[in-house]
Amino acid sequence: MKILIRLAAVVCALAALSIAGCGGVGQASASGSKGTFNPNTTITNTTRSIQEADIYKLVGNTLYILSSKRGLEIVDVTDVQSPKLLSTLPTQSSPRQIYVEGETAYVLTSNVDDIDCGGYKGTCGWNAPGGAITQVDVISVANPATPTLLGTQHLPGDLQDSRIVGHILYVVGIDASGASTLVASYDVGNPST
């Protein structure tokens, strides 16, 4: 657990986040003063869950599916023998990852095809084409039959990975040269911000 906390502290430092934005990581320095970041500080009694994204999420009897052709599809699976498509919300780019937090879905997309090995023109990993943009769509799913786009955030570079740690969504991308790693963070505890 200490390794995860220390890793979270490093991610926060790399992302140049404020101490308050890191959900408690680095709240005290070795000298005990608040607000000073010290990556060697051991923090105890701090637990933050880590979520990985996928192309689908099952929440109760509602299945959220990302489709490269149709975007976000929301399906009622109360009767697994007869699932019902509740709604479809197209995405502007290729959907790659989804998280569902309460009544909000976070859909991560990229305007280029997935470029992992065998992806974009057969390139492998670090050769994102110029102009690659990662997009984070924030979608209200309070009523799964009528999802509503609340907002969108664009990041330069191609989506490589993401995690929700506690209530912070970290999104990692690379620029066209592969020389720069881009990290952004969003507070999913308050989707209106």
C-alpha atoms as a PDB file:
ATOM      1  CA  MET A   1       0.000   0.000   0.000  1.00  0.00           C
ATOM      2  CA  LYS A   2       2.869   2.385   0.742  1.00  0.00           C
ATOM      3  CA  ILE A   3       4.150   1.859  -2.809  1.00  0.00           C
ATOM      4  CA  LEU A   4       0.756   2.811  -4.272  1.00  0.00           C
ATOM      5  CA  ILE A   5       0.606   5.919  -2.129  1.00  0.00           C
ATOM      6  CA  ARG A   6       4.161   6.877  -3.074  1.00  0.00           C
ATOM      7  CA  LEU A   7       3.336   6.214  -6.767  1.00  0.00           C
ATOM      8  CA  ALA A   8       0.250   8.411  -6.449  1.00  0.00           C
ATOM      9  CA  ALA A   9       2.441  11.124  -4.937  1.00  0.00           C
ATOM     10  CA  VAL A  10       4.827  10.913  -7.905  1.00  0.00           C
ATOM     11  CA  VAL A  11       1.924  11.086 -10.376  1.00  0.00           C
ATOM     12  CA  CYS A  12       0.649  14.181  -8.597  1.00  0.00           C
ATOM     13  CA  ALA A  13       4.076  15.789  -8.733  1.00  0.00           C
ATOM     14  CA  LEU A  14       4.482  14.995 -12.428  1.00  0.00           C
ATOM     15  CA  ALA A  15       1.080  16.440 -13.196  1.00  0.00           C
ATOM     16  CA  ALA A  16       2.002  19.634 -11.327  1.00  0.00           C
ATOM     17  CA  LEU A  17      -1.164  19.395  -9.278  1.00  0.00           C
ATOM     18  CA  SER A  18      -1.807  21.349  -6.149  1.00  0.00           C
ATOM     19  CA  ILE A  19      -1.575  19.380  -2.925  1.00  0.00           C
ATOM     20  CA  ALA A  20      -5.317  19.825  -2.375  1.00  0.00           C
ATOM     21  CA  GLY A  21      -6.028  18.319  -5.796  1.00  0.00           C
ATOM     22  CA  CYS A  22      -4.214  15.122  -4.941  1.00  0.00           C
ATOM     23  CA  GLY A  23      -6.837  13.863  -2.543  1.00  0.00           C
ATOM     24  CA  GLY A  24      -4.647  13.910   0.528  1.00  0.00           C
ATOM     25  CA  VAL A  25      -1.334  12.747  -0.909  1.00  0.00           C
ATOM     26  CA  GLY A  26       1.513  14.780   0.515  1.00  0.00           C
ATOM     27  CA  GLN A  27      -0.496  16.559   3.181  1.00  0.00           C
ATOM     28  CA  ALA A  28       2.391  16.575   5.578  1.00  0.00           C
ATOM     29  CA  SER A  29       6.117  16.870   5.078  1.00  0.00           C
ATOM     30  CA  ALA A  30       8.787  15.095   7.095  1.00  0.00           C
ATOM     31  CA  SER A  31       8.925  18.179   9.304  1.00  0.00           C
ATOM     32  CA  GLY A  32       5.181  17.948   9.844  1.00  0.00           C
ATOM     33  CA  SER A  33       4.224  21.216   8.115  1.00  0.00           C
ATOM     34  CA  LYS A  34       1.063  21.034   6.023  1.00  0.00           C
ATOM     35  CA  GLY A  35       1.031  21.874   2.326  1.00  0.00           C
ATOM     36  CA  THR A  36       4.677  20.973   1.655  1.00  0.00           C
ATOM     37  CA  PHE A  37       5.148  18.107  -0.775  1.00  0.00           C
ATOM     38  CA  ASN A  38       7.722  15.500   0.213  1.00  0.00           C
ATOM     39  CA  PRO A  39       7.702  12.273  -1.880  1.00  0.00           C
ATOM     40  CA  ASN A  40       9.550  10.416   0.906  1.00  0.00           C
ATOM     41  CA  THR A  41       6.784  11.021   3.429  1.00  0.00           C
ATOM     42  CA  THR A  42       4.971   7.892   4.537  1.00  0.00           C
ATOM     43  CA  ILE A  43       1.255   8.500   4.783  1.00  0.00           C
ATOM     44  CA  THR A  44      -0.757   6.182   6.968  1.00  0.00           C
ATOM     45  CA  ASN A  45      -4.504   5.640   7.240  1.00  0.00           C
ATOM     46  CA  THR A  46      -5.016   6.928   3.687  1.00  0.00           C
ATOM     47  CA  THR A  47      -6.920   4.610   1.390  1.00  0.00           C
ATOM     48  CA  ARG A  48      -7.852   5.474  -2.173  1.00  0.00           C
ATOM     49  CA  SER A  49      -9.409   2.991  -4.543  1.00  0.00           C
ATOM     50  CA  ILE A  50      -7.952   2.543  -8.015  1.00  0.00           C
ATOM     51  CA  GLN A  51     -10.230   1.877 -10.977  1.00  0.00           C
ATOM     52  CA  GLU A  52      -9.211   0.789 -14.436  1.00  0.00           C
ATOM     53  CA  ALA A  53     -11.203   1.715 -17.518  1.00  0.00           C
ATOM     54  CA  ASP A  54     -12.660  -0.743 -19.978  1.00  0.00           C
ATOM     55  CA  ILE A  55     -14.855  -0.697 -23.071  1.00  0.00           C
ATOM     56  CA  TYR A  56     -17.842  -1.692 -20.949  1.00  0.00           C
ATOM     57  CA  LYS A  57     -19.073  -1.167 -17.388  1.00  0.00           C
ATOM     58  CA  LEU A  58     -21.881  -2.990 -15.605  1.00  0.00           C
ATOM     59  CA  VAL A  59     -23.574  -0.908 -12.904  1.00  0.00           C
ATOM     60  CA  GLY A  60     -26.476  -2.743 -11.296  1.00  0.00           C
ATOM     61  CA  ASN A  61     -28.669  -3.880 -14.180  1.00  0.00           C
ATOM     62  CA  THR A  62     -27.361  -1.257 -16.584  1.00  0.00           C
ATOM     63  CA  LEU A  63     -24.598  -2.100 -19.053  1.00  0.00           C
ATOM     64  CA  TYR A  64     -22.594   0.744 -20.605  1.00  0.00           C
ATOM     65  CA  ILE A  65     -20.846  -0.321 -23.834  1.00  0.00           C
ATOM     66  CA  LEU A  66     -18.463   1.592 -26.103  1.00  0.00           C
ATOM     67  CA  SER A  67     -18.881   0.858 -29.802  1.00  0.00           C
ATOM     68  CA  SER A  68     -16.511   2.120 -32.474  1.00  0.00           C
ATOM     69  CA  LYS A  69     -19.471   2.577 -34.828  1.00  0.00           C
ATOM     70  CA  ARG A  70     -22.185   3.869 -32.471  1.00  0.00           C
ATOM     71  CA  GLY A  71     -20.427   5.499 -29.505  1.00  0.00           C
ATOM     72  CA  LEU A  72     -21.922   4.897 -26.047  1.00  0.00           C
ATOM     73  CA  GLU A  73     -24.725   2.344 -25.872  1.00  0.00           C
ATOM     74  CA  ILE A  74     -26.718   1.873 -22.671  1.00  0.00           C
ATOM     75  CA  VAL A  75     -28.478  -1.460 -22.202  1.00  0.00           C
ATOM     76  CA  ASP A  76     -30.906  -2.689 -19.534  1.00  0.00           C
ATOM     77  CA  VAL A  77     -29.851  -6.251 -18.654  1.00  0.00           C
ATOM     78  CA  THR A  78     -32.435  -6.867 -15.919  1.00  0.00           C
ATOM     79  CA  ASP A  79     -33.629  -9.793 -18.058  1.00  0.00           C
ATOM     80  CA  VAL A  80     -30.377 -11.248 -19.411  1.00  0.00           C
ATOM     81  CA  GLN A  81     -32.357 -13.382 -21.833  1.00  0.00           C
ATOM     82  CA  SER A  82     -33.858 -10.264 -23.354  1.00  0.00           C
ATOM     83  CA  PRO A  83     -31.580  -7.203 -22.929  1.00  0.00           C
ATOM     84  CA  LYS A  84     -33.101  -3.871 -23.963  1.00  0.00           C
ATOM     85  CA  LEU A  85     -31.181  -1.087 -25.678  1.00  0.00           C
ATOM     86  CA  LEU A  86     -32.131   2.050 -23.727  1.00  0.00           C
ATOM     87  CA  SER A  87     -30.140   4.615 -25.670  1.00  0.00           C
ATOM     88  CA  THR A  88     -27.190   5.406 -27.893  1.00  0.00           C
ATOM     89  CA  LEU A  89     -25.066   8.542 -27.666  1.00  0.00           C
ATOM     90  CA  PRO A  90     -22.635   9.000 -30.567  1.00  0.00           C
ATOM     91  CA  THR A  91     -19.076  10.122 -29.825  1.00  0.00           C
ATOM     92  CA  GLN A  92     -17.134  12.551 -32.031  1.00  0.00           C
ATOM     93  CA  SER A  93     -14.064  10.292 -32.094  1.00  0.00           C
ATOM     94  CA  SER A  94     -13.050   6.694 -31.534  1.00  0.00           C
ATOM     95  CA  PRO A  95     -14.232   5.630 -28.038  1.00  0.00           C
ATOM     96  CA  ARG A  96     -11.489   3.885 -26.062  1.00  0.00           C
ATOM     97  CA  GLN A  97     -12.316   3.815 -22.333  1.00  0.00           C
ATOM     98  CA  ILE A  98     -15.255   4.352 -19.983  1.00  0.00           C
ATOM     99  CA  TYR A  99     -15.803   4.936 -16.274  1.00  0.00           C
ATOM    100  CA  VAL A 100     -19.161   5.269 -14.538  1.00  0.00           C
ATOM    101  CA  GLU A 101     -19.249   7.152 -11.243  1.00  0.00           C
ATOM    102  CA  GLY A 102     -22.718   7.474  -9.739  1.00  0.00           C
ATOM    103  CA  GLU A 103     -24.898   9.183 -12.332  1.00  0.00           C
ATOM    104  CA  THR A 104     -21.985  10.294 -14.528  1.00  0.00           C
ATOM    105  CA  ALA A 105     -20.117   8.450 -17.278  1.00  0.00           C
ATOM    106  CA  TYR A 106     -16.646   9.508 -18.404  1.00  0.00           C
ATOM    107  CA  VAL A 107     -15.928   8.425 -21.981  1.00  0.00           C
ATOM    108  CA  LEU A 108     -12.353   8.821 -23.244  1.00  0.00           C
ATOM    109  CA  THR A 109     -11.921   9.029 -26.995  1.00  0.00           C
ATOM    110  CA  SER A 110      -9.156   9.715 -29.510  1.00  0.00           C
ATOM    111  CA  ASN A 111      -9.383  11.172 -32.995  1.00  0.00           C
ATOM    112  CA  VAL A 112      -6.983   8.503 -34.311  1.00  0.00           C
ATOM    113  CA  ASP A 113      -7.326   4.748 -34.392  1.00  0.00           C
ATOM    114  CA  ASP A 114      -5.799   2.813 -31.517  1.00  0.00           C
ATOM    115  CA  ILE A 115      -2.066   2.877 -32.260  1.00  0.00           C
ATOM    116  CA  ASP A 116      -0.870   0.055 -30.066  1.00  0.00           C
ATOM    117  CA  CYS A 117       0.967  -2.675 -31.983  1.00  0.00           C
ATOM    118  CA  GLY A 118      -1.011  -3.515 -35.096  1.00  0.00           C
ATOM    119  CA  GLY A 119      -2.996  -0.277 -34.863  1.00  0.00           C
ATOM    120  CA  TYR A 120      -2.488   2.915 -36.835  1.00  0.00           C
ATOM    121  CA  LYS A 121      -0.808   1.896 -40.114  1.00  0.00           C
ATOM    122  CA  GLY A 122       0.841  -1.009 -38.317  1.00  0.00           C
ATOM    123  CA  THR A 123       2.923   1.265 -36.089  1.00  0.00           C
ATOM    124  CA  CYS A 124       3.675   0.252 -32.560  1.00  0.00           C
ATOM    125  CA  GLY A 125       3.083   2.473 -29.561  1.00  0.00           C
ATOM    126  CA  TRP A 126       5.078   5.674 -29.746  1.00  0.00           C
ATOM    127  CA  ASN A 127       4.342   7.020 -33.233  1.00  0.00           C
ATOM    128  CA  ALA A 128       1.088   8.930 -32.795  1.00  0.00           C
ATOM    129  CA  PRO A 129       0.249  10.956 -35.889  1.00  0.00           C
ATOM    130  CA  GLY A 130       0.435  14.750 -35.596  1.00  0.00           C
ATOM    131  CA  GLY A 131      -2.799  16.392 -34.500  1.00  0.00           C
ATOM    132  CA  ALA A 132      -3.833  13.527 -32.236  1.00  0.00           C
ATOM    133  CA  ILE A 133      -6.372  14.686 -29.652  1.00  0.00           C
ATOM    134  CA  THR A 134      -7.704  12.846 -26.623  1.00  0.00           C
ATOM    135  CA  GLN A 135     -11.173  13.853 -25.523  1.00  0.00           C
ATOM    136  CA  VAL A 136     -12.901  13.299 -22.177  1.00  0.00           C
ATOM    137  CA  ASP A 137     -16.702  13.415 -22.494  1.00  0.00           C
ATOM    138  CA  VAL A 138     -18.629  13.919 -19.252  1.00  0.00           C
ATOM    139  CA  ILE A 139     -22.110  12.427 -19.643  1.00  0.00           C
ATOM    140  CA  SER A 140     -25.059  12.471 -17.261  1.00  0.00           C
ATOM    141  CA  VAL A 141     -26.613   9.004 -17.108  1.00  0.00           C
ATOM    142  CA  ALA A 142     -29.101   9.888 -14.347  1.00  0.00           C
ATOM    143  CA  ASN A 143     -31.759   8.729 -16.812  1.00  0.00           C
ATOM    144  CA  PRO A 144     -30.096   5.982 -18.897  1.00  0.00           C
ATOM    145  CA  ALA A 145     -32.788   6.335 -21.578  1.00  0.00           C
ATOM    146  CA  THR A 146     -31.692   9.927 -22.232  1.00  0.00           C
ATOM    147  CA  PRO A 147     -27.963  10.435 -21.550  1.00  0.00           C
ATOM    148  CA  THR A 148     -26.873  14.065 -21.708  1.00  0.00           C
ATOM    149  CA  LEU A 149     -23.437  15.403 -22.614  1.00  0.00           C
ATOM    150  CA  LEU A 150     -22.441  17.740 -19.768  1.00  0.00           C
ATOM    151  CA  GLY A 151     -19.093  18.797 -21.156  1.00  0.00           C
ATOM    152  CA  THR A 152     -15.968  17.888 -23.052  1.00  0.00           C
ATOM    153  CA  GLN A 153     -12.278  18.398 -22.364  1.00  0.00           C
ATOM    154  CA  HIS A 154      -9.615  18.132 -25.090  1.00  0.00           C
ATOM    155  CA  LEU A 155      -6.011  17.102 -24.459  1.00  0.00           C
ATOM    156  CA  PRO A 156      -3.242  17.264 -27.040  1.00  0.00           C
ATOM    157  CA  GLY A 157      -1.779  13.868 -27.870  1.00  0.00           C
ATOM    158  CA  ASP A 158      -3.033  10.316 -28.183  1.00  0.00           C
ATOM    159  CA  LEU A 159      -4.650   8.500 -25.247  1.00  0.00           C
ATOM    160  CA  GLN A 160      -2.340   5.894 -23.726  1.00  0.00           C
ATOM    161  CA  ASP A 161      -3.946   5.047 -20.396  1.00  0.00           C
ATOM    162  CA  SER A 162      -6.065   6.308 -17.531  1.00  0.00           C
ATOM    163  CA  ARG A 163      -7.046   5.493 -13.955  1.00  0.00           C
ATOM    164  CA  ILE A 164      -9.373   6.867 -11.343  1.00  0.00           C
ATOM    165  CA  VAL A 165      -7.505   7.058  -8.046  1.00  0.00           C
ATOM    166  CA  GLY A 166      -9.865   8.019  -5.247  1.00  0.00           C
ATOM    167  CA  HIS A 167     -11.925  10.751  -6.884  1.00  0.00           C
ATOM    168  CA  ILE A 168      -9.282  11.906  -9.391  1.00  0.00           C
ATOM    169  CA  LEU A 169      -9.282  10.752 -13.024  1.00  0.00           C
ATOM    170  CA  TYR A 170      -5.738  10.716 -14.437  1.00  0.00           C
ATOM    171  CA  VAL A 171      -5.450  10.659 -18.236  1.00  0.00           C
ATOM    172  CA  VAL A 172      -2.095   9.953 -19.916  1.00  0.00           C
ATOM    173  CA  GLY A 173      -1.280  10.650 -23.532  1.00  0.00           C
ATOM    174  CA  ILE A 174       1.728  11.101 -25.797  1.00  0.00           C
ATOM    175  CA  ASP A 175       2.534  13.759 -28.344  1.00  0.00           C
ATOM    176  CA  ALA A 176       3.189  13.044 -32.021  1.00  0.00           C
ATOM    177  CA  SER A 177       6.939  12.611 -31.516  1.00  0.00           C
ATOM    178  CA  GLY A 178       6.534  10.264 -28.570  1.00  0.00           C
ATOM    179  CA  ALA A 179       9.014  12.434 -26.687  1.00  0.00           C
ATOM    180  CA  SER A 180       6.502  14.021 -24.326  1.00  0.00           C
ATOM    181  CA  THR A 181       4.106  12.320 -21.970  1.00  0.00           C
ATOM    182  CA  LEU A 182       1.034  14.373 -21.198  1.00  0.00           C
ATOM    183  CA  VAL A 183      -0.850  13.932 -17.914  1.00  0.00           C
ATOM    184  CA  ALA A 184      -4.145  15.596 -16.995  1.00  0.00           C
ATOM    185  CA  SER A 185      -6.343  15.141 -13.943  1.00  0.00           C
ATOM    186  CA  TYR A 186     -10.032  15.709 -13.284  1.00  0.00           C
ATOM    187  CA  ASP A 187     -12.028  15.682 -10.064  1.00  0.00           C
ATOM    188  CA  VAL A 188     -14.777  13.115 -10.723  1.00  0.00           C
ATOM    189  CA  GLY A 189     -16.175  13.746  -7.264  1.00  0.00           C
ATOM    190  CA  ASN A 190     -17.658  16.961  -8.699  1.00  0.00           C
ATOM    191  CA  PRO A 191     -18.470  16.437 -12.403  1.00  0.00           C
ATOM    192  CA  SER A 192     -19.800  19.981 -12.819  1.00  0.00           C
ATOM    193  CA  THR A 193     -16.261  21.409 -12.496  1.00  0.00           C
END
